[in-house]
Amino acid sequence: MGFRPEAVRGSEGPGEIDYRLARQSVLSEYRKGRIARHEICDAHPELARAARELGEPTKLTCPVCEETNVVLVSYVFGPRLPAFGRCISTKKELQAIAKRSGNFSCYVVEVCPECSWNHLARTFLLNPARSRAAAN
């Protein structure tokens, strides 16, 4: 049996891209001393603010400082949104954007509000089935 994305995820269209392997690689290099802490704990001030004020709490302890839990911050990019994207504060807001016409991409960033660790966790298209149907 050959590997096909639709065999794993169904036939709903483009799937989610998960960056766990890249995350593990960065953390491995940090733990080996090949990357300095200031190089990976470098969240932009706006990202750090979004993490403190809008972030979705998780039960995952920060892999760098190991003192606090990381939060997830989501940004959406697409038509009729600012060029720098829109920070999503609720699932309801995300669902409302998904109902709009056009192609929207969502980026979820893992952020530690204490030490400023940040890493892209995953990306996905909002409502990929509708986007594929519109293209046909």
C-alpha atoms as a PDB file:
ATOM      1  CA  MET A   1       0.000   0.000   0.000  1.00  0.00           C
ATOM      2  CA  GLY A   2       1.472   3.364  -1.035  1.00  0.00           C
ATOM      3  CA  PHE A   3       1.320   6.426   1.172  1.00  0.00           C
ATOM      4  CA  ARG A   4      -1.147   9.069   0.051  1.00  0.00           C
ATOM      5  CA  PRO A   5      -2.270  11.996   2.235  1.00  0.00           C
ATOM      6  CA  GLU A   6      -5.933  11.311   1.423  1.00  0.00           C
ATOM      7  CA  ALA A   7      -5.541   7.741   2.723  1.00  0.00           C
ATOM      8  CA  VAL A   8      -4.638   9.129   6.131  1.00  0.00           C
ATOM      9  CA  ARG A   9      -6.778  12.267   6.353  1.00  0.00           C
ATOM     10  CA  GLY A  10      -9.716  11.407   4.118  1.00  0.00           C
ATOM     11  CA  SER A  11     -10.473  13.377   0.985  1.00  0.00           C
ATOM     12  CA  GLU A  12     -11.129  16.801   2.493  1.00  0.00           C
ATOM     13  CA  GLY A  13      -8.280  18.490   0.595  1.00  0.00           C
ATOM     14  CA  PRO A  14      -4.955  19.929   1.670  1.00  0.00           C
ATOM     15  CA  GLY A  15      -4.040  18.984   5.197  1.00  0.00           C
ATOM     16  CA  GLU A  16      -2.221  20.414   8.111  1.00  0.00           C
ATOM     17  CA  ILE A  17       1.537  20.849   8.187  1.00  0.00           C
ATOM     18  CA  ASP A  18       3.007  19.996  11.562  1.00  0.00           C
ATOM     19  CA  TYR A  19       6.447  21.307  12.541  1.00  0.00           C
ATOM     20  CA  ARG A  20       7.204  18.939  15.450  1.00  0.00           C
ATOM     21  CA  LEU A  21      10.291  17.480  13.775  1.00  0.00           C
ATOM     22  CA  ALA A  22      11.774  20.937  13.165  1.00  0.00           C
ATOM     23  CA  ARG A  23      10.962  21.836  16.785  1.00  0.00           C
ATOM     24  CA  GLN A  24      12.725  18.736  18.075  1.00  0.00           C
ATOM     25  CA  SER A  25      15.748  19.487  15.899  1.00  0.00           C
ATOM     26  CA  VAL A  26      16.085  23.041  17.268  1.00  0.00           C
ATOM     27  CA  LEU A  27      15.679  21.847  20.852  1.00  0.00           C
ATOM     28  CA  SER A  28      18.213  19.073  20.319  1.00  0.00           C
ATOM     29  CA  GLU A  29      20.767  21.567  19.000  1.00  0.00           C
ATOM     30  CA  TYR A  30      20.054  23.875  21.960  1.00  0.00           C
ATOM     31  CA  ARG A  31      20.529  21.064  24.485  1.00  0.00           C
ATOM     32  CA  LYS A  32      23.808  20.095  22.816  1.00  0.00           C
ATOM     33  CA  GLY A  33      25.010  23.680  23.231  1.00  0.00           C
ATOM     34  CA  ARG A  34      25.141  24.398  19.500  1.00  0.00           C
ATOM     35  CA  ILE A  35      22.470  27.108  19.708  1.00  0.00           C
ATOM     36  CA  ALA A  36      22.424  29.794  22.391  1.00  0.00           C
ATOM     37  CA  ARG A  37      19.289  30.466  24.421  1.00  0.00           C
ATOM     38  CA  HIS A  38      19.014  34.038  23.129  1.00  0.00           C
ATOM     39  CA  GLU A  39      18.790  32.614  19.588  1.00  0.00           C
ATOM     40  CA  ILE A  40      15.675  30.579  20.304  1.00  0.00           C
ATOM     41  CA  CYS A  41      14.033  32.749  22.963  1.00  0.00           C
ATOM     42  CA  ASP A  42      13.584  35.686  20.628  1.00  0.00           C
ATOM     43  CA  ALA A  43       9.844  36.292  20.309  1.00  0.00           C
ATOM     44  CA  HIS A  44       9.001  39.607  18.692  1.00  0.00           C
ATOM     45  CA  PRO A  45       7.467  42.012  21.262  1.00  0.00           C
ATOM     46  CA  GLU A  46       4.086  41.880  19.469  1.00  0.00           C
ATOM     47  CA  LEU A  47       4.115  38.082  19.500  1.00  0.00           C
ATOM     48  CA  ALA A  48       4.979  38.087  23.216  1.00  0.00           C
ATOM     49  CA  ARG A  49       2.138  40.567  23.885  1.00  0.00           C
ATOM     50  CA  ALA A  50      -0.301  38.432  21.877  1.00  0.00           C
ATOM     51  CA  ALA A  51       0.821  35.384  23.850  1.00  0.00           C
ATOM     52  CA  ARG A  52       0.159  37.118  27.183  1.00  0.00           C
ATOM     53  CA  GLU A  53      -3.175  38.652  26.193  1.00  0.00           C
ATOM     54  CA  LEU A  54      -4.702  36.382  23.547  1.00  0.00           C
ATOM     55  CA  GLY A  55      -2.828  33.089  23.713  1.00  0.00           C
ATOM     56  CA  GLU A  56      -4.658  29.801  24.120  1.00  0.00           C
ATOM     57  CA  PRO A  57      -3.257  28.084  27.233  1.00  0.00           C
ATOM     58  CA  THR A  58      -1.846  24.560  26.937  1.00  0.00           C
ATOM     59  CA  LYS A  59      -0.667  21.939  29.405  1.00  0.00           C
ATOM     60  CA  LEU A  60       2.708  21.742  27.655  1.00  0.00           C
ATOM     61  CA  THR A  61       5.614  23.006  29.763  1.00  0.00           C
ATOM     62  CA  CYS A  62       8.078  25.288  27.991  1.00  0.00           C
ATOM     63  CA  PRO A  63      10.910  23.098  26.675  1.00  0.00           C
ATOM     64  CA  VAL A  64      13.500  25.826  27.365  1.00  0.00           C
ATOM     65  CA  CYS A  65      12.810  27.437  30.749  1.00  0.00           C
ATOM     66  CA  GLU A  66      10.655  24.548  32.044  1.00  0.00           C
ATOM     67  CA  GLU A  67       8.920  27.020  34.385  1.00  0.00           C
ATOM     68  CA  THR A  68       5.630  27.852  32.704  1.00  0.00           C
ATOM     69  CA  ASN A  69       3.245  26.438  30.130  1.00  0.00           C
ATOM     70  CA  VAL A  70       3.420  27.590  26.538  1.00  0.00           C
ATOM     71  CA  VAL A  71       0.440  29.226  24.863  1.00  0.00           C
ATOM     72  CA  LEU A  72      -0.694  29.000  21.251  1.00  0.00           C
ATOM     73  CA  VAL A  73      -1.096  32.157  19.193  1.00  0.00           C
ATOM     74  CA  SER A  74      -2.910  31.919  15.848  1.00  0.00           C
ATOM     75  CA  TYR A  75      -2.589  34.246  12.878  1.00  0.00           C
ATOM     76  CA  VAL A  76      -4.674  34.159   9.702  1.00  0.00           C
ATOM     77  CA  PHE A  77      -3.552  35.507   6.330  1.00  0.00           C
ATOM     78  CA  GLY A  78      -5.722  36.016   3.289  1.00  0.00           C
ATOM     79  CA  PRO A  79      -7.795  38.411   1.204  1.00  0.00           C
ATOM     80  CA  ARG A  80      -9.148  41.540   2.885  1.00  0.00           C
ATOM     81  CA  LEU A  81      -6.922  41.011   5.927  1.00  0.00           C
ATOM     82  CA  PRO A  82      -3.905  43.143   6.889  1.00  0.00           C
ATOM     83  CA  ALA A  83      -0.637  42.225   5.169  1.00  0.00           C
ATOM     84  CA  PHE A  84       0.797  41.251   8.573  1.00  0.00           C
ATOM     85  CA  GLY A  85      -2.146  38.902   9.192  1.00  0.00           C
ATOM     86  CA  ARG A  86      -4.810  38.938  11.838  1.00  0.00           C
ATOM     87  CA  CYS A  87      -4.261  37.554  15.314  1.00  0.00           C
ATOM     88  CA  ILE A  88      -7.182  35.326  16.246  1.00  0.00           C
ATOM     89  CA  SER A  89      -8.500  35.609  19.784  1.00  0.00           C
ATOM     90  CA  THR A  90     -11.342  33.043  19.759  1.00  0.00           C
ATOM     91  CA  LYS A  91     -12.394  29.917  17.890  1.00  0.00           C
ATOM     92  CA  LYS A  92     -15.591  31.746  16.930  1.00  0.00           C
ATOM     93  CA  GLU A  93     -13.524  34.420  15.173  1.00  0.00           C
ATOM     94  CA  LEU A  94     -11.613  31.718  13.298  1.00  0.00           C
ATOM     95  CA  GLN A  95     -14.872  30.081  12.213  1.00  0.00           C
ATOM     96  CA  ALA A  96     -16.216  33.418  10.962  1.00  0.00           C
ATOM     97  CA  ILE A  97     -13.140  33.964   8.787  1.00  0.00           C
ATOM     98  CA  ALA A  98     -13.405  30.408   7.467  1.00  0.00           C
ATOM     99  CA  LYS A  99     -16.909  31.217   6.156  1.00  0.00           C
ATOM    100  CA  ARG A 100     -15.615  34.091   3.999  1.00  0.00           C
ATOM    101  CA  SER A 101     -14.851  33.562   0.340  1.00  0.00           C
ATOM    102  CA  GLY A 102     -11.190  33.254  -0.556  1.00  0.00           C
ATOM    103  CA  ASN A 103      -8.205  31.239   0.546  1.00  0.00           C
ATOM    104  CA  PHE A 104      -7.069  31.774   4.121  1.00  0.00           C
ATOM    105  CA  SER A 105      -4.031  30.252   5.797  1.00  0.00           C
ATOM    106  CA  CYS A 106      -3.710  29.849   9.544  1.00  0.00           C
ATOM    107  CA  TYR A 107      -0.360  29.753  11.362  1.00  0.00           C
ATOM    108  CA  VAL A 108      -0.230  28.549  14.960  1.00  0.00           C
ATOM    109  CA  VAL A 109       2.820  29.599  16.976  1.00  0.00           C
ATOM    110  CA  GLU A 110       3.871  28.084  20.304  1.00  0.00           C
ATOM    111  CA  VAL A 111       5.099  30.831  22.659  1.00  0.00           C
ATOM    112  CA  CYS A 112       6.409  30.913  26.217  1.00  0.00           C
ATOM    113  CA  PRO A 113       5.259  34.153  27.870  1.00  0.00           C
ATOM    114  CA  GLU A 114       8.163  33.962  30.360  1.00  0.00           C
ATOM    115  CA  CYS A 115      11.319  33.226  28.366  1.00  0.00           C
ATOM    116  CA  SER A 116      10.075  34.186  24.857  1.00  0.00           C
ATOM    117  CA  TRP A 117      10.631  30.727  23.325  1.00  0.00           C
ATOM    118  CA  ASN A 118       8.618  30.581  20.121  1.00  0.00           C
ATOM    119  CA  HIS A 119       8.249  28.102  17.335  1.00  0.00           C
ATOM    120  CA  LEU A 120       5.837  27.602  14.472  1.00  0.00           C
ATOM    121  CA  ALA A 121       3.712  24.651  15.587  1.00  0.00           C
ATOM    122  CA  ARG A 122       1.509  24.077  12.533  1.00  0.00           C
ATOM    123  CA  THR A 123      -0.129  25.629   9.509  1.00  0.00           C
ATOM    124  CA  PHE A 124      -3.375  24.786   7.770  1.00  0.00           C
ATOM    125  CA  LEU A 125      -5.877  26.114   5.263  1.00  0.00           C
ATOM    126  CA  LEU A 126      -9.227  27.267   6.539  1.00  0.00           C
ATOM    127  CA  ASN A 127     -12.017  25.256   4.946  1.00  0.00           C
ATOM    128  CA  PRO A 128      -9.847  23.471   2.355  1.00  0.00           C
ATOM    129  CA  ALA A 129     -12.820  21.440   1.029  1.00  0.00           C
ATOM    130  CA  ARG A 130     -14.659  24.594  -0.032  1.00  0.00           C
ATOM    131  CA  SER A 131     -11.494  26.004  -1.622  1.00  0.00           C
ATOM    132  CA  ARG A 132     -11.035  22.814  -3.649  1.00  0.00           C
ATOM    133  CA  ALA A 133     -14.696  22.804  -4.731  1.00  0.00           C
ATOM    134  CA  ALA A 134     -14.429  26.432  -5.883  1.00  0.00           C
ATOM    135  CA  ALA A 135     -11.376  25.563  -7.984  1.00  0.00           C
ATOM    136  CA  ASN A 136     -13.278  22.803  -9.856  1.00  0.00           C
END
